[in-house]
C-alpha atoms as a PDB file:
ATOM      1  CA  MET A   1     -22.441 -23.672  14.455  1.00  0.00           C
ATOM      2  CA  THR A   2     -22.007 -21.142  11.190  1.00  0.00           C
ATOM      3  CA  ARG A   3     -18.555 -19.556  11.161  1.00  0.00           C
ATOM      4  CA  ALA A   4     -18.011 -15.758  10.586  1.00  0.00           C
ATOM      5  CA  PRO A   5     -17.332 -15.119   6.924  1.00  0.00           C
ATOM      6  CA  ARG A   6     -13.610 -13.651   7.025  1.00  0.00           C
ATOM      7  CA  LEU A   7     -12.632 -10.799   5.078  1.00  0.00           C
ATOM      8  CA  LEU A   8      -8.831  -9.609   4.506  1.00  0.00           C
ATOM      9  CA  LEU A   9      -9.326  -5.721   3.663  1.00  0.00           C
ATOM     10  CA  VAL A  10      -5.861  -4.130   1.953  1.00  0.00           C
ATOM     11  CA  ASP A  11      -5.768  -0.379   2.048  1.00  0.00           C
ATOM     12  CA  ASP A  12      -2.746   1.878   2.638  1.00  0.00           C
ATOM     13  CA  SER A  13      -4.869   4.730   3.556  1.00  0.00           C
ATOM     14  CA  ALA A  14      -5.729   4.480   7.297  1.00  0.00           C
ATOM     15  CA  ALA A  15      -9.217   6.522   6.990  1.00  0.00           C
ATOM     16  CA  ASP A  16     -10.415   4.434   4.354  1.00  0.00           C
ATOM     17  CA  LEU A  17      -9.678   1.009   6.440  1.00  0.00           C
ATOM     18  CA  TYR A  18     -11.438   2.396   9.351  1.00  0.00           C
ATOM     19  CA  LEU A  19     -14.577   3.829   7.180  1.00  0.00           C
ATOM     20  CA  LEU A  20     -14.592   0.694   5.215  1.00  0.00           C
ATOM     21  CA  GLU A  21     -14.383  -1.731   8.437  1.00  0.00           C
ATOM     22  CA  ALA A  22     -16.966   0.593   9.981  1.00  0.00           C
ATOM     23  CA  ALA A  23     -19.654   0.241   7.152  1.00  0.00           C
ATOM     24  CA  LEU A  24     -18.716  -3.604   6.960  1.00  0.00           C
ATOM     25  CA  GLU A  25     -19.589  -3.853  10.999  1.00  0.00           C
ATOM     26  CA  GLN A  26     -22.467  -1.867  10.985  1.00  0.00           C
ATOM     27  CA  TYR A  27     -24.112  -4.177   7.974  1.00  0.00           C
ATOM     28  CA  GLY A  28     -24.998  -6.593  11.243  1.00  0.00           C
ATOM     29  CA  GLU A  29     -23.551  -9.818  10.221  1.00  0.00           C
ATOM     30  CA  ALA A  30     -20.672 -11.174  12.700  1.00  0.00           C
ATOM     31  CA  LEU A  31     -17.522 -10.831  10.448  1.00  0.00           C
ATOM     32  CA  ASP A  32     -14.138 -11.897  11.076  1.00  0.00           C
ATOM     33  CA  ILE A  33     -12.410  -8.954   9.671  1.00  0.00           C
ATOM     34  CA  ALA A  34      -8.228  -8.534   9.208  1.00  0.00           C
ATOM     35  CA  LEU A  35      -6.753  -5.696   8.211  1.00  0.00           C
ATOM     36  CA  ALA A  36      -3.473  -5.165   5.679  1.00  0.00           C
ATOM     37  CA  HIS A  37      -1.537  -1.983   4.857  1.00  0.00           C
ATOM     38  CA  ASP A  38       0.098  -2.598   1.807  1.00  0.00           C
ATOM     39  CA  GLY A  39       0.608  -5.488  -0.748  1.00  0.00           C
ATOM     40  CA  GLU A  40       3.305  -7.214   0.807  1.00  0.00           C
ATOM     41  CA  GLU A  41       1.653  -7.373   4.243  1.00  0.00           C
ATOM     42  CA  ALA A  42      -1.979  -8.834   2.164  1.00  0.00           C
ATOM     43  CA  LEU A  43       0.355 -11.649   0.988  1.00  0.00           C
ATOM     44  CA  ALA A  44       2.295 -12.376   3.616  1.00  0.00           C
ATOM     45  CA  ALA A  45      -1.151 -12.851   5.652  1.00  0.00           C
ATOM     46  CA  LEU A  46      -2.783 -14.808   2.874  1.00  0.00           C
ATOM     47  CA  HIS A  47       0.443 -17.239   2.886  1.00  0.00           C
ATOM     48  CA  GLY A  48      -0.306 -17.650   6.455  1.00  0.00           C
ATOM     49  CA  ALA A  49      -3.824 -18.071   5.914  1.00  0.00           C
ATOM     50  CA  ALA A  50      -3.420 -20.851   3.270  1.00  0.00           C
ATOM     51  CA  ARG A  51      -0.809 -23.281   5.197  1.00  0.00           C
ATOM     52  CA  GLY A  52      -3.440 -22.593   8.358  1.00  0.00           C
ATOM     53  CA  GLY A  53      -6.248 -23.985   6.280  1.00  0.00           C
ATOM     54  CA  ARG A  54      -8.644 -21.135   6.498  1.00  0.00           C
ATOM     55  CA  LEU A  55      -8.624 -18.645   3.652  1.00  0.00           C
ATOM     56  CA  PRO A  56     -10.449 -15.474   4.008  1.00  0.00           C
ATOM     57  CA  ASP A  57     -14.014 -15.429   2.228  1.00  0.00           C
ATOM     58  CA  LEU A  58     -13.172 -12.357   0.438  1.00  0.00           C
ATOM     59  CA  LEU A  59     -10.239 -10.046  -0.101  1.00  0.00           C
ATOM     60  CA  VAL A  60     -11.160  -6.311  -0.742  1.00  0.00           C
ATOM     61  CA  LEU A  61      -7.898  -4.694  -2.213  1.00  0.00           C
ATOM     62  CA  ASP A  62      -7.060  -0.926  -2.770  1.00  0.00           C
ATOM     63  CA  LEU A  63      -5.133  -0.318  -6.059  1.00  0.00           C
ATOM     64  CA  ASN A  64      -2.580   2.161  -5.543  1.00  0.00           C
ATOM     65  CA  MET A  65      -0.520   1.373  -2.166  1.00  0.00           C
ATOM     66  CA  PRO A  66       3.649   1.584  -1.306  1.00  0.00           C
ATOM     67  CA  ARG A  67       5.816  -1.624  -1.736  1.00  0.00           C
ATOM     68  CA  MET A  68       3.318  -3.702  -4.112  1.00  0.00           C
ATOM     69  CA  GLY A  69       0.213  -2.411  -5.611  1.00  0.00           C
ATOM     70  CA  GLY A  70      -3.183  -4.006  -5.906  1.00  0.00           C
ATOM     71  CA  PHE A  71      -2.874  -5.084  -9.835  1.00  0.00           C
ATOM     72  CA  GLU A  72       0.440  -6.604  -8.450  1.00  0.00           C
ATOM     73  CA  VAL A  73      -1.309  -8.614  -5.414  1.00  0.00           C
ATOM     74  CA  LEU A  74      -3.864  -9.771  -7.844  1.00  0.00           C
ATOM     75  CA  ARG A  75      -1.544 -11.420 -10.338  1.00  0.00           C
ATOM     76  CA  ALA A  76      -0.035 -13.160  -7.405  1.00  0.00           C
ATOM     77  CA  VAL A  77      -2.987 -14.327  -6.072  1.00  0.00           C
ATOM     78  CA  ARG A  78      -4.162 -15.823  -9.517  1.00  0.00           C
ATOM     79  CA  ALA A  79      -0.939 -17.396 -10.150  1.00  0.00           C
ATOM     80  CA  ASP A  80      -0.857 -18.912  -6.761  1.00  0.00           C
ATOM     81  CA  PRO A  81      -2.629 -22.501  -6.865  1.00  0.00           C
ATOM     82  CA  ALA A  82      -3.486 -22.259  -3.255  1.00  0.00           C
ATOM     83  CA  LEU A  83      -4.956 -18.821  -3.382  1.00  0.00           C
ATOM     84  CA  ARG A  84      -6.723 -18.431  -7.173  1.00  0.00           C
ATOM     85  CA  GLY A  85     -10.201 -19.267  -5.837  1.00  0.00           C
ATOM     86  CA  LEU A  86     -10.580 -16.396  -3.721  1.00  0.00           C
ATOM     87  CA  ARG A  87     -13.142 -13.614  -4.602  1.00  0.00           C
ATOM     88  CA  VAL A  88     -10.969 -10.374  -5.088  1.00  0.00           C
ATOM     89  CA  VAL A  89     -13.260  -6.999  -4.818  1.00  0.00           C
ATOM     90  CA  ILE A  90     -11.062  -4.145  -6.290  1.00  0.00           C
ATOM     91  CA  PHE A  91     -11.944  -0.856  -4.138  1.00  0.00           C
ATOM     92  CA  THR A  92     -10.247   2.263  -5.172  1.00  0.00           C
ATOM     93  CA  THR A  93     -10.544   5.765  -5.866  1.00  0.00           C
ATOM     94  CA  SER A  94      -9.749   5.180  -9.149  1.00  0.00           C
ATOM     95  CA  ALA A  95     -12.559   5.570 -11.551  1.00  0.00           C
ATOM     96  CA  ALA A  96     -10.246   4.968 -15.058  1.00  0.00           C
ATOM     97  CA  ARG A  97     -11.697   2.298 -17.259  1.00  0.00           C
ATOM     98  CA  GLY A  98      -8.458   1.102 -18.164  1.00  0.00           C
ATOM     99  CA  ASP A  99      -8.136   0.280 -14.140  1.00  0.00           C
ATOM    100  CA  GLU A 100     -11.477  -1.306 -14.131  1.00  0.00           C
ATOM    101  CA  LEU A 101     -10.689  -3.550 -17.466  1.00  0.00           C
ATOM    102  CA  ARG A 102      -6.985  -4.072 -16.309  1.00  0.00           C
ATOM    103  CA  ALA A 103      -8.869  -5.704 -12.741  1.00  0.00           C
ATOM    104  CA  TYR A 104     -11.174  -7.933 -14.998  1.00  0.00           C
ATOM    105  CA  GLU A 105      -8.376  -8.801 -17.045  1.00  0.00           C
ATOM    106  CA  LEU A 106      -6.112 -10.173 -13.829  1.00  0.00           C
ATOM    107  CA  GLY A 107      -9.427 -12.206 -12.612  1.00  0.00           C
ATOM    108  CA  ALA A 108     -10.926  -9.298 -10.008  1.00  0.00           C
ATOM    109  CA  THR A 109     -14.469 -10.424  -9.251  1.00  0.00           C
ATOM    110  CA  ALA A 110     -15.473  -7.163  -9.045  1.00  0.00           C
ATOM    111  CA  PHE A 111     -14.536  -3.427  -9.327  1.00  0.00           C
ATOM    112  CA  MET A 112     -15.471  -0.972  -6.982  1.00  0.00           C
ATOM    113  CA  THR A 113     -14.997   2.869  -6.947  1.00  0.00           C
ATOM    114  CA  LYS A 114     -14.541   4.474  -3.020  1.00  0.00           C
ATOM    115  CA  PRO A 115     -17.646   6.630  -2.438  1.00  0.00           C
ATOM    116  CA  VAL A 116     -16.572  10.265  -1.615  1.00  0.00           C
ATOM    117  CA  GLU A 117     -19.808  10.744   0.917  1.00  0.00           C
ATOM    118  CA  LEU A 118     -20.030   8.973   4.156  1.00  0.00           C
ATOM    119  CA  GLY A 119     -23.290   7.863   3.660  1.00  0.00           C
ATOM    120  CA  ASP A 120     -22.282   5.980   0.514  1.00  0.00           C
ATOM    121  CA  PHE A 121     -19.555   4.817   2.357  1.00  0.00           C
ATOM    122  CA  MET A 122     -21.650   3.303   4.920  1.00  0.00           C
ATOM    123  CA  ALA A 123     -23.655   1.594   2.777  1.00  0.00           C
ATOM    124  CA  LEU A 124     -21.293  -0.586   1.432  1.00  0.00           C
ATOM    125  CA  GLY A 125     -22.198  -3.789   3.661  1.00  0.00           C
ATOM    126  CA  PRO A 126     -24.777  -4.857   1.623  1.00  0.00           C
ATOM    127  CA  GLN A 127     -23.173  -4.633  -1.947  1.00  0.00           C
ATOM    128  CA  LEU A 128     -20.129  -6.548  -0.419  1.00  0.00           C
ATOM    129  CA  ALA A 129     -21.928  -9.177   0.983  1.00  0.00           C
ATOM    130  CA  ALA A 130     -23.326 -10.450  -1.867  1.00  0.00           C
ATOM    131  CA  TYR A 131     -19.453 -11.309  -2.673  1.00  0.00           C
ATOM    132  CA  TRP A 132     -18.402 -13.263   0.544  1.00  0.00           C
ATOM    133  CA  GLN A 133     -21.699 -15.085   0.662  1.00  0.00           C
ATOM    134  CA  PRO A 134     -21.418 -18.434  -0.507  1.00  0.00           C
ATOM    135  CA  GLY A 135     -22.689 -19.379  -4.039  1.00  0.00           C
ATOM    136  CA  ALA A 136     -23.514 -15.498  -4.861  1.00  0.00           C
ATOM    137  CA  VAL A 137     -20.668 -14.946  -7.448  1.00  0.00           C
ATOM    138  CA  PRO A 138     -19.084 -17.322  -9.036  1.00  0.00           C
ATOM    139  CA  LEU A 139     -15.584 -18.626  -7.762  1.00  0.00           C
ATOM    140  CA  PRO A 140     -12.734 -17.666 -10.132  1.00  0.00           C
ATOM    141  CA  GLY A 141     -11.562 -20.268 -12.384  1.00  0.00           C
ATOM    142  CA  PRO A 142      -8.404 -21.982 -12.896  1.00  0.00           C
ATOM    143  CA  ALA A 143      -8.254 -20.238 -16.477  1.00  0.00           C
ATOM    144  CA  GLN A 144      -8.351 -16.897 -15.200  1.00  0.00           C
ATOM    145  CA  GLY A 145      -4.616 -15.354 -14.387  1.00  0.00           C
END
């Protein structure tokens, strides 16, 4: 039996989490989705998953959050040997080229700007699927970080 892909969605906006989760569920593939509302909660979940033996197949991470933002989480993930191989998609309202460049410099797998239109939001499943499917996107190497 094939296991469902595990995703950790991290965003301080309950509405954005709801829409993203709905878009992914609409995609039609059985998924194991966990939610975190800020960077500290996300890192706690990731460290727990690392101890338990099953990390997410994909981390979808907002940038602007209270307590610990997405850049800090990404930096911590890439610095931790147990987490550094995670695929991380930055999913943010920021369209700033500087934020995109910084995300890639810190080791992001991809950078996506949150859609404004509901229909575009609901079409995200296939776009994100490319990142959680094994072999679809190269895993970050140990040199990143």
